[in-house]
């Protein structure tokens, strides 16, 4: 089936989305228009450093025009630069997405986050290496009208990161309602490469959503099945917009893609077969560009692409699609967006042969090199996704979840086949595993013969080069990562970034001790 011939009805049917659903408005508390304005300051740290950038960030209720007719009710982040460069926040027009943080390595950041929703929330700075007080653990949630102050120094290299809510049991619905935004870091190395910048360095946030006949967001509808499997929407939005098209010139572009969907995995390819050129992953630029026929992008993962339209004719189009694969949500080819060449220009902007220098960890230096820390993902008990047979407890840390500051460790994620469940769940589902507070290396993948068929349909799109904070683990697969616990002690999280799985408890604490 061609991606250009898929009707909305076909897409709905083939994605396995039922007709019964719950309007998201039913999940929203009553309007906050009359909520009290009192604010309680809750400092996140006592560093005392003068910030280079100080920002006021609010979580609010609002409306946005996504389709013709009635505006869509959403939750969104709204920001304002209090001090520092004016471009420290960049708004994406015509969207519910939060403003883009635009900062540099080494800057001291202070964010005053005020929760104006009528339920608790907190902000997680996804992928950033920050003190535990600034990480957005759900035990730190704040109530309506309260403010939480984040203080941290930007310690990460140049890259594409993001921020989103993290209240336990409500992360999925809050993110789905619109609470998300990009966090982009620059450094001297990156700025010196001559990569496309400004209007030619573009955010591309992929999300799937359902809407009712009144243009309102719909979440769920399949009851416990949505929790077990993860939520899939029938409408692909790019930067919060439907039927998105990208006007381009005949020159190179840098595209920063975030999979901001709750559960959907994308197998991204150019419809005409043009190879995809990758510049960076979750944790920033690669050492050198790599090419793939397609890219596998799991929830929460980011990828930076070099796309050169120099040889394309004005009036031509280039279609990005998601290809079929043998796992949940991958049954058909469907369109993502169209790039339309509208203007001819002459720009000399060659692709750099070298992008960055990376000092890699060595597996032989790991304190547990011979006995990796094992984390098994499996359905158990009363239809519950678990990590080593456990689910989330707010303050709970088991002995095998305590690590030592300064240690380099090997962790092995095992997505175990079988266990309790029904249908596809009994065979396992892919799990995008996220570790808070740091970036890690992916050092090994192995898959059981029983899980190999699904794995084969996505494996060539894994970009294991570079730094990562989220890795997709396929059914029957074991993935080893190498991670070092530096600078900060305290309670952090590791969890599946299928947000429905996370909300039902597929999340655990790990603690870094001095």
Protein backbone atom coordinates (compact mmCIF):
# COMPACT_ATOMS: atom_id res chain seq x y z
CA UNK A 1 0.00 0.00 0.00
CA UNK A 2 1.46 3.36 -0.99
CA UNK A 3 1.85 5.97 1.71
CA UNK A 4 0.09 8.45 -0.53
CA UNK A 5 -3.09 6.35 -0.72
CA UNK A 6 -3.82 5.73 2.93
CA UNK A 7 -7.08 7.21 4.10
CA UNK A 8 -7.71 8.27 7.67
CA UNK A 9 -10.11 5.32 7.93
CA UNK A 10 -7.45 2.90 6.63
CA UNK A 11 -4.88 4.28 9.02
CA UNK A 12 -7.27 3.91 11.95
CA UNK A 13 -8.14 0.35 11.01
CA UNK A 14 -4.62 -0.83 10.31
CA UNK A 15 -3.20 0.69 13.45
CA UNK A 16 -5.66 -1.32 15.50
CA UNK A 17 -7.28 1.71 17.13
CA UNK A 18 -10.77 1.01 18.40
CA UNK A 19 -13.67 3.38 17.94
CA UNK A 20 -14.43 3.69 21.63
CA UNK A 21 -12.31 6.32 23.30
CA UNK A 22 -12.24 8.83 26.13
CA UNK A 23 -12.09 12.51 25.25
CA UNK A 24 -9.08 14.01 26.92
CA UNK A 25 -11.28 16.79 28.20
CA UNK A 26 -12.72 14.19 30.53
CA UNK A 27 -9.24 13.68 31.94
CA UNK A 28 -8.70 17.39 32.49
CA UNK A 29 -9.61 18.81 35.89
CA UNK A 30 -12.01 21.75 35.82
CA UNK A 31 -10.80 25.03 34.38
CA UNK A 32 -8.09 26.79 36.34
CA UNK A 33 -9.28 30.27 35.44
CA UNK A 34 -10.37 30.88 39.01
CA UNK A 35 -7.47 29.05 40.66
CA UNK A 36 -5.62 30.93 43.37
CA UNK A 37 -2.48 32.74 42.28
CA UNK A 38 -0.49 32.11 45.46
CA UNK A 39 3.03 30.80 44.80
CA UNK A 40 5.31 28.94 47.15
CA UNK A 41 9.03 29.04 46.29
CA UNK A 42 10.75 25.67 46.60
CA UNK A 43 14.48 26.06 45.85
CA UNK A 44 16.01 23.08 44.14
CA UNK A 45 19.55 23.83 45.19
CA UNK A 46 21.58 26.32 47.17
CA UNK A 47 24.47 26.77 44.74
CA UNK A 48 24.27 30.53 45.04
CA UNK A 49 25.78 30.98 41.58
CA UNK A 50 24.57 33.92 39.53
CA UNK A 51 22.67 32.45 36.58
CA UNK A 52 23.70 33.21 33.01
CA UNK A 53 20.14 32.46 31.98
CA UNK A 54 17.07 32.85 34.18
CA UNK A 55 13.71 31.71 32.89
CA UNK A 56 10.12 31.65 34.14
CA UNK A 57 8.32 28.52 32.92
CA UNK A 58 4.62 27.81 33.51
CA UNK A 59 2.45 24.77 32.90
CA UNK A 60 -0.91 26.15 31.84
CA UNK A 61 -4.19 25.28 30.21
CA UNK A 62 -4.78 26.71 26.76
CA UNK A 63 -6.15 26.29 23.27
CA UNK A 64 -4.47 25.93 19.88
CA UNK A 65 -5.79 25.82 16.32
CA UNK A 66 -4.79 22.43 14.89
CA UNK A 67 -7.71 21.94 12.48
CA UNK A 68 -10.32 24.21 10.96
CA UNK A 69 -13.24 24.81 13.27
CA UNK A 70 -13.09 24.45 17.04
CA UNK A 71 -9.74 25.06 18.74
CA UNK A 72 -8.17 22.15 20.60
CA UNK A 73 -7.91 22.30 24.35
CA UNK A 74 -4.36 21.49 25.53
CA UNK A 75 -1.91 21.77 28.36
CA UNK A 76 1.28 23.58 27.44
CA UNK A 77 4.49 25.14 28.73
CA UNK A 78 4.80 28.90 28.45
CA UNK A 79 8.15 30.58 29.05
CA UNK A 80 9.75 33.98 29.47
CA UNK A 81 13.41 35.03 29.67
CA UNK A 82 13.91 36.89 32.94
CA UNK A 83 17.62 37.56 32.41
CA UNK A 84 20.22 36.51 29.88
CA UNK A 85 20.16 36.36 26.06
CA UNK A 86 16.74 36.95 24.50
CA UNK A 87 17.20 33.92 22.25
CA UNK A 88 17.60 31.61 25.27
CA UNK A 89 13.97 30.71 24.50
CA UNK A 90 12.72 30.24 20.95
CA UNK A 91 9.01 29.79 20.30
CA UNK A 92 7.77 27.32 17.68
CA UNK A 93 4.85 29.11 15.96
CA UNK A 94 1.33 27.70 15.81
CA UNK A 95 1.85 24.88 18.29
CA UNK A 96 1.11 23.66 21.80
CA UNK A 97 4.78 22.65 22.23
CA UNK A 98 6.79 24.54 24.80
CA UNK A 99 9.49 27.04 23.80
CA UNK A 100 12.88 25.70 22.76
CA UNK A 101 15.61 26.26 25.34
CA UNK A 102 18.63 27.51 23.39
CA UNK A 103 21.71 27.48 25.63
CA UNK A 104 25.46 26.79 25.68
CA UNK A 105 27.63 24.30 27.52
CA UNK A 106 28.90 25.82 30.77
CA UNK A 107 26.05 28.26 31.29
CA UNK A 108 24.39 28.41 34.71
CA UNK A 109 20.63 27.99 34.27
CA UNK A 110 17.86 28.91 36.70
CA UNK A 111 14.30 27.95 35.85
CA UNK A 112 11.33 29.03 37.96
CA UNK A 113 8.71 26.43 37.13
CA UNK A 114 5.16 27.29 38.23
CA UNK A 115 2.44 24.67 38.07
CA UNK A 116 -0.89 26.26 37.07
CA UNK A 117 -2.59 22.94 36.37
CA UNK A 118 -5.12 21.56 38.80
CA UNK A 119 -3.03 18.50 39.51
CA UNK A 120 0.59 17.90 40.64
CA UNK A 121 3.40 18.11 38.10
CA UNK A 122 7.17 18.48 37.81
CA UNK A 123 9.62 18.95 34.92
CA UNK A 124 12.21 16.36 33.89
CA UNK A 125 15.15 17.62 31.80
CA UNK A 126 15.48 14.54 29.64
CA UNK A 127 19.05 13.48 28.90
CA UNK A 128 20.73 16.24 30.90
CA UNK A 129 23.46 15.53 33.45
CA UNK A 130 22.07 17.47 36.42
CA UNK A 131 22.00 17.20 40.23
CA UNK A 132 19.30 15.00 41.67
CA UNK A 133 17.31 18.05 42.85
CA UNK A 134 17.07 19.25 39.27
CA UNK A 135 16.19 15.93 37.62
CA UNK A 136 12.42 16.06 38.09
CA UNK A 137 11.87 12.90 40.15
CA UNK A 138 8.14 12.32 40.82
CA UNK A 139 8.72 12.57 44.59
CA UNK A 140 9.38 16.28 43.94
CA UNK A 141 6.01 17.07 42.33
CA UNK A 142 4.45 20.38 43.25
CA UNK A 143 0.81 21.30 43.65
CA UNK A 144 -1.29 23.91 41.88
CA UNK A 145 0.09 27.43 42.40
CA UNK A 146 3.50 26.29 43.63
CA UNK A 147 6.87 27.08 42.05
CA UNK A 148 9.92 24.86 41.91
CA UNK A 149 13.30 26.48 41.22
CA UNK A 150 15.84 24.51 39.18
CA UNK A 151 19.51 25.49 39.41
CA UNK A 152 22.04 23.66 37.28
CA UNK A 153 25.06 24.16 35.08
CA UNK A 154 24.79 22.90 31.50
CA UNK A 155 27.34 20.08 31.64
CA UNK A 156 26.43 18.27 28.41
CA UNK A 157 28.02 18.70 25.01
CA UNK A 158 26.14 20.17 22.06
CA UNK A 159 23.03 18.18 21.27
CA UNK A 160 19.26 17.92 21.13
CA UNK A 161 17.59 17.21 24.46
CA UNK A 162 14.05 17.83 25.70
CA UNK A 163 11.84 18.43 28.74
CA UNK A 164 8.52 16.96 29.80
CA UNK A 165 6.45 16.25 32.96
CA UNK A 166 7.19 13.34 35.30
CA UNK A 167 4.41 12.85 37.92
CA UNK A 168 3.99 9.17 38.65
CA UNK A 169 0.87 7.72 37.04
CA UNK A 170 0.14 10.89 35.03
CA UNK A 171 3.21 11.37 32.83
CA UNK A 172 1.47 9.83 29.83
CA UNK A 173 -1.66 11.95 29.95
CA UNK A 174 0.21 15.19 30.74
CA UNK A 175 2.69 14.72 27.91
CA UNK A 176 -0.14 13.70 25.59
CA UNK A 177 -2.04 16.85 26.51
CA UNK A 178 0.88 18.89 25.14
CA UNK A 179 3.50 19.31 27.85
CA UNK A 180 6.84 18.92 26.06
CA UNK A 181 9.59 21.06 24.57
CA UNK A 182 13.09 20.86 23.11
CA UNK A 183 16.27 21.76 25.00
CA UNK A 184 19.09 22.52 22.54
CA UNK A 185 22.71 22.90 23.65
CA UNK A 186 25.54 24.45 21.62
CA UNK A 187 29.27 24.38 22.25
CA UNK A 188 32.37 25.84 20.60
CA UNK A 189 33.19 22.69 18.64
CA UNK A 190 29.73 22.51 17.11
CA UNK A 191 29.57 26.22 16.32
CA UNK A 192 32.89 25.96 14.48
CA UNK A 193 31.73 23.20 12.10
CA UNK A 194 29.69 25.42 9.81
CA UNK A 195 26.61 23.22 10.09
CA UNK A 196 23.31 24.71 8.87
CA UNK A 197 22.09 27.24 11.42
CA UNK A 198 19.23 29.64 12.04
CA UNK A 199 16.37 29.06 9.59
CA UNK A 200 18.21 25.98 8.28
CA UNK A 201 18.51 24.22 11.65
CA UNK A 202 14.99 22.95 12.20
CA UNK A 203 13.09 21.13 14.98
CA UNK A 204 10.93 18.17 13.93
CA UNK A 205 8.87 16.77 16.84
CA UNK A 206 6.93 13.61 15.91
CA UNK A 207 3.78 12.80 17.89
CA UNK A 208 0.65 10.75 17.27
CA UNK A 209 -2.74 11.84 18.53
CA UNK A 210 -6.45 11.01 18.35
CA UNK A 211 -9.16 13.66 18.01
CA UNK A 212 -12.93 13.61 18.34
CA UNK A 213 -15.44 15.27 16.00
CA UNK A 214 -14.97 18.56 17.88
CA UNK A 215 -11.17 18.59 17.37
CA UNK A 216 -10.54 17.65 21.00
CA UNK A 217 -7.76 15.29 22.03
CA UNK A 218 -8.80 11.73 22.82
CA UNK A 219 -6.65 9.53 25.04
CA UNK A 220 -7.20 5.80 25.49
CA UNK A 221 -10.37 4.07 24.51
CA UNK A 222 -9.14 0.52 24.71
CA UNK A 223 -9.04 0.39 28.50
CA UNK A 224 -6.40 -1.84 30.02
CA UNK A 225 -5.17 -2.77 26.54
CA UNK A 226 -3.78 0.76 26.07
CA UNK A 227 -1.90 0.42 29.34
CA UNK A 228 -0.55 -3.00 28.47
CA UNK A 229 0.40 -2.22 24.88
CA UNK A 230 0.87 1.54 24.88
CA UNK A 231 -1.25 4.22 23.25
CA UNK A 232 -1.22 4.72 19.46
CA UNK A 233 -2.89 7.69 17.82
CA UNK A 234 -4.34 7.80 14.30
CA UNK A 235 -3.05 11.27 13.38
CA UNK A 236 0.64 12.12 12.98
CA UNK A 237 1.49 15.66 14.12
CA UNK A 238 4.78 17.42 13.36
CA UNK A 239 5.60 20.26 15.72
CA UNK A 240 2.00 20.05 16.90
CA UNK A 241 0.63 20.58 13.38
CA UNK A 242 -1.45 18.26 11.21
CA UNK A 243 -0.58 17.59 7.54
CA UNK A 244 2.74 19.34 8.03
CA UNK A 245 4.82 20.36 5.04
CA UNK A 246 8.32 21.80 5.15
CA UNK A 247 9.20 24.56 2.65
CA UNK A 248 12.91 24.34 1.76
CA UNK A 249 15.55 25.90 -0.46
CA UNK A 250 18.11 24.15 -2.65
CA UNK A 251 20.73 23.87 0.06
CA UNK A 252 21.63 21.66 3.08
CA UNK A 253 19.51 21.57 6.24
CA UNK A 254 20.02 20.24 9.74
CA UNK A 255 16.89 18.51 11.05
CA UNK A 256 16.57 17.71 14.75
CA UNK A 257 14.03 14.91 15.18
CA UNK A 258 12.45 14.00 18.50
CA UNK A 259 10.09 11.07 18.91
CA UNK A 260 7.73 12.76 21.35
CA UNK A 261 5.03 10.07 21.03
CA UNK A 262 3.86 8.19 24.09
CA UNK A 263 4.48 4.72 22.64
CA UNK A 264 4.87 4.76 18.85
CA UNK A 265 8.10 3.56 17.21
CA UNK A 266 8.99 5.03 13.82
CA UNK A 267 10.97 3.39 11.02
CA UNK A 268 11.92 6.52 9.11
CA UNK A 269 13.00 6.57 5.48
CA UNK A 270 12.86 8.81 2.43
CA UNK A 271 10.17 7.41 0.15
CA UNK A 272 12.43 7.66 -2.91
CA UNK A 273 15.09 5.49 -1.28
CA UNK A 274 17.62 8.28 -0.64
CA UNK A 275 19.93 7.22 2.22
CA UNK A 276 19.57 9.08 5.51
CA UNK A 277 22.65 10.92 6.79
CA UNK A 278 22.92 11.06 10.59
CA UNK A 279 24.85 13.77 12.45
CA UNK A 280 23.93 13.07 16.05
CA UNK A 281 22.00 10.97 18.57
CA UNK A 282 20.52 11.53 22.04
CA UNK A 283 23.77 12.82 23.53
CA UNK A 284 25.02 15.01 20.70
CA UNK A 285 27.12 14.85 17.56
CA UNK A 286 28.70 11.64 16.34
CA UNK A 287 32.42 11.48 15.60
CA UNK A 288 31.60 11.40 11.89
CA UNK A 289 28.42 11.23 9.80
CA UNK A 290 26.86 7.81 9.21
CA UNK A 291 24.30 6.77 6.61
CA UNK A 292 21.41 4.32 6.83
CA UNK A 293 18.62 3.24 4.51
CA UNK A 294 16.23 3.90 7.39
CA UNK A 295 16.33 5.05 11.02
CA UNK A 296 14.62 3.34 13.95
CA UNK A 297 13.40 6.03 16.35
CA UNK A 298 11.85 4.89 19.63
CA UNK A 299 9.89 7.09 22.07
CA UNK A 300 12.10 9.78 23.66
CA UNK A 301 14.99 9.24 21.24
CA UNK A 302 16.47 12.07 19.19
CA UNK A 303 18.34 12.02 15.90
CA UNK A 304 20.02 14.83 13.97
CA UNK A 305 20.01 14.60 10.18
CA UNK A 306 21.87 16.28 7.33
CA UNK A 307 19.47 16.73 4.41
CA UNK A 308 20.81 18.30 1.21
CA UNK A 309 18.28 19.65 -1.31
CA UNK A 310 20.97 21.25 -3.50
CA UNK A 311 20.33 18.95 -6.46
CA UNK A 312 16.55 19.04 -6.25
CA UNK A 313 14.45 21.11 -8.64
CA UNK A 314 12.15 23.90 -7.53
CA UNK A 315 8.65 22.43 -7.27
CA UNK A 316 9.84 18.92 -6.38
CA UNK A 317 8.88 17.13 -3.19
CA UNK A 318 10.63 14.73 -0.86
CA UNK A 319 8.50 12.53 1.42
CA UNK A 320 9.58 11.15 4.79
CA UNK A 321 7.61 8.01 5.66
CA UNK A 322 7.52 5.35 8.35
CA UNK A 323 8.02 1.86 6.93
CA UNK A 324 6.40 -1.38 8.15
CA UNK A 325 8.09 -3.54 10.77
CA UNK A 326 7.17 -6.67 12.73
CA UNK A 327 6.30 -5.11 16.07
CA UNK A 328 3.53 -3.11 17.70
CA UNK A 329 2.33 -0.24 15.48
CA UNK A 330 4.44 -1.18 12.45
CA UNK A 331 1.97 -2.85 10.11
CA UNK A 332 1.87 -0.29 7.28
CA UNK A 333 3.80 2.46 5.52
CA UNK A 334 2.42 5.90 6.38
CA UNK A 335 3.51 9.50 5.68
CA UNK A 336 5.38 11.65 8.21
CA UNK A 337 5.92 14.93 6.35
CA UNK A 338 6.70 16.36 2.92
CA UNK A 339 9.59 18.70 2.15
CA UNK A 340 8.69 21.02 -0.74
CA UNK A 341 11.48 22.77 -2.67
CA UNK A 342 10.25 26.34 -3.14
CA UNK A 343 13.34 28.44 -3.83
CA UNK A 344 16.64 28.03 -5.68
CA UNK A 345 19.76 29.30 -3.94
CA UNK A 346 23.48 28.72 -4.29
CA UNK A 347 25.06 27.87 -0.94
CA UNK A 348 28.43 26.24 -0.35
CA UNK A 349 27.98 24.17 2.83
CA UNK A 350 29.85 20.85 2.62
CA UNK A 351 29.14 18.04 5.07
CA UNK A 352 32.05 17.91 7.57
CA UNK A 353 34.01 14.65 7.50
CA UNK A 354 34.62 14.94 11.26
CA UNK A 355 31.95 16.18 13.65
CA UNK A 356 33.39 15.73 17.14
CA UNK A 357 35.89 13.94 19.31
CA UNK A 358 34.53 11.46 21.84
CA UNK A 359 36.44 9.97 24.75
CA UNK A 360 34.93 6.50 25.02
CA UNK A 361 34.61 4.41 28.15
CA UNK A 362 36.33 1.02 28.04
CA UNK A 363 34.34 -2.05 29.01
CA UNK A 364 37.46 -3.60 30.52
CA UNK A 365 37.53 -0.73 33.04
CA UNK A 366 34.03 -1.45 34.35
CA UNK A 367 33.90 -2.60 37.99
CA UNK A 368 31.43 -5.33 37.01
CA UNK A 369 32.77 -6.19 33.59
CA UNK A 370 32.52 -9.92 34.25
CA UNK A 371 29.05 -9.77 35.85
CA UNK A 372 26.86 -7.04 34.30
CA UNK A 373 24.02 -5.59 36.33
CA UNK A 374 20.97 -7.42 34.91
CA UNK A 375 17.59 -5.72 34.35
CA UNK A 376 14.91 -8.09 33.07
CA UNK A 377 11.73 -6.72 31.46
CA UNK A 378 8.78 -9.07 31.60
CA UNK A 379 5.04 -9.32 32.09
CA UNK A 380 4.34 -10.79 35.51
CA UNK A 381 1.76 -11.01 38.25
CA UNK A 382 -1.61 -9.44 37.50
CA UNK A 383 -0.86 -8.33 33.93
CA UNK A 384 1.92 -6.00 35.02
CA UNK A 385 5.08 -4.96 33.19
CA UNK A 386 8.01 -5.26 35.59
CA UNK A 387 11.74 -4.64 35.95
CA UNK A 388 13.32 -7.62 37.68
CA UNK A 389 9.85 -8.55 38.88
CA UNK A 390 9.36 -5.18 40.61
CA UNK A 391 7.27 -2.10 39.98
CA UNK A 392 7.75 1.50 41.06
CA UNK A 393 7.76 2.59 44.69
CA UNK A 394 8.44 6.27 45.33
CA UNK A 395 11.42 5.92 47.67
CA UNK A 396 12.25 2.23 47.28
CA UNK A 397 15.76 1.11 46.31
CA UNK A 398 16.86 -2.51 46.48
CA UNK A 399 20.45 -3.54 47.18
CA UNK A 400 21.06 -4.33 43.51
CA UNK A 401 19.95 -0.78 42.56
CA UNK A 402 22.69 1.02 44.50
CA UNK A 403 25.77 2.19 42.61
CA UNK A 404 28.92 4.02 43.69
CA UNK A 405 29.94 7.51 42.62
CA UNK A 406 32.84 7.35 40.18
CA UNK A 407 32.21 3.76 39.10
CA UNK A 408 31.94 2.62 35.51
CA UNK A 409 29.40 -0.19 35.13
CA UNK A 410 27.94 -2.52 32.53
CA UNK A 411 24.16 -2.87 32.60
CA UNK A 412 22.31 -5.47 30.57
CA UNK A 413 18.67 -4.96 29.61
CA UNK A 414 16.92 -8.24 28.79
CA UNK A 415 13.50 -8.13 27.13
CA UNK A 416 12.35 -11.59 28.08
CA UNK A 417 9.91 -13.50 25.90
CA UNK A 418 7.03 -15.38 27.46
CA UNK A 419 5.52 -14.76 30.85
CA UNK A 420 1.94 -13.94 31.68
CA UNK A 421 -0.10 -12.08 29.12
CA UNK A 422 -2.20 -12.54 26.05
CA UNK A 423 -1.66 -12.25 22.33
CA UNK A 424 1.30 -10.08 21.41
CA UNK A 425 1.97 -9.30 25.05
CA UNK A 426 2.78 -12.92 25.80
CA UNK A 427 5.48 -12.70 23.15
CA UNK A 428 6.82 -9.45 24.48
CA UNK A 429 6.80 -5.86 23.28
CA UNK A 430 9.66 -3.50 22.45
CA UNK A 431 10.74 -1.39 25.44
CA UNK A 432 12.64 1.92 25.07
CA UNK A 433 14.78 1.97 28.25
CA UNK A 434 15.75 5.37 29.63
CA UNK A 435 18.27 6.07 32.41
CA UNK A 436 18.06 9.44 34.14
CA UNK A 437 20.97 11.74 34.86
CA UNK A 438 23.57 10.65 32.33
CA UNK A 439 24.46 9.51 28.81
CA UNK A 440 25.71 6.00 28.10
CA UNK A 441 27.27 3.88 25.36
CA UNK A 442 25.48 0.96 23.69
CA UNK A 443 28.14 -1.76 23.48
CA UNK A 444 26.39 -5.00 22.53
CA UNK A 445 23.14 -6.43 21.17
CA UNK A 446 22.15 -10.10 21.16
CA UNK A 447 18.79 -11.59 20.24
CA UNK A 448 17.24 -15.01 20.80
CA UNK A 449 16.26 -16.98 17.73
CA UNK A 450 12.61 -16.81 18.80
CA UNK A 451 12.68 -13.01 18.69
CA UNK A 452 14.85 -12.58 15.65
CA UNK A 453 12.13 -12.05 13.04
CA UNK A 454 10.89 -8.82 14.62
CA UNK A 455 14.42 -7.69 15.43
CA UNK A 456 15.51 -8.14 11.80
CA UNK A 457 12.90 -5.63 10.63
CA UNK A 458 14.36 -2.78 12.72
CA UNK A 459 18.00 -3.64 13.46
CA UNK A 460 19.57 -1.83 10.50
CA UNK A 461 18.05 1.41 11.72
CA UNK A 462 19.66 1.35 15.17
CA UNK A 463 22.23 4.14 15.54
CA UNK A 464 24.30 2.71 18.38
CA UNK A 465 27.19 5.04 17.63
CA UNK A 466 27.48 8.08 19.90
CA UNK A 467 25.92 8.77 23.31
CA UNK A 468 22.45 7.70 24.37
CA UNK A 469 19.99 8.07 27.22
CA UNK A 470 17.31 5.81 25.70
CA UNK A 471 17.80 2.48 23.92
CA UNK A 472 15.16 0.31 22.26
CA UNK A 473 15.23 -3.29 23.46
CA UNK A 474 13.33 -5.65 21.18
CA UNK A 475 11.51 -8.81 22.36
CA UNK A 476 14.04 -11.56 22.98
CA UNK A 477 16.92 -9.08 22.87
CA UNK A 478 19.71 -8.37 25.35
CA UNK A 479 21.35 -4.95 25.15
CA UNK A 480 24.48 -4.04 27.09
CA UNK A 481 25.21 -0.42 27.96
CA UNK A 482 28.26 1.17 29.58
CA UNK A 483 27.61 4.04 31.97
CA UNK A 484 29.61 6.04 34.50
CA UNK A 485 28.19 7.67 37.61
CA UNK A 486 29.89 11.04 37.89
CA UNK A 487 29.51 14.28 39.87
CA UNK A 488 26.18 13.72 41.63
CA UNK A 489 24.78 11.43 44.31
CA UNK A 490 21.16 10.71 45.12
CA UNK A 491 18.04 9.05 43.78
CA UNK A 492 17.57 8.78 40.02
CA UNK A 493 15.26 6.72 37.79
CA UNK A 494 15.46 4.08 35.10
CA UNK A 495 12.31 3.11 33.25
CA UNK A 496 10.56 2.16 30.05
CA UNK A 497 9.76 5.30 28.02
CA UNK A 498 6.57 3.79 26.65
CA UNK A 499 4.71 6.28 28.84
CA UNK A 500 1.78 3.95 29.50
CA UNK A 501 4.21 1.32 30.73
CA UNK A 502 5.98 3.91 32.88
CA UNK A 503 2.70 5.10 34.39
CA UNK A 504 1.65 1.57 35.32
CA UNK A 505 4.91 1.13 37.25
CA UNK A 506 7.58 -0.07 34.80
CA UNK A 507 10.04 2.21 36.53
CA UNK A 508 12.53 1.90 39.38
CA UNK A 509 14.90 4.05 41.39
CA UNK A 510 18.64 3.67 41.39
CA UNK A 511 20.77 5.43 43.99
CA UNK A 512 24.26 6.84 43.62
CA UNK A 513 26.20 6.73 46.89
CA UNK A 514 29.47 8.52 47.62
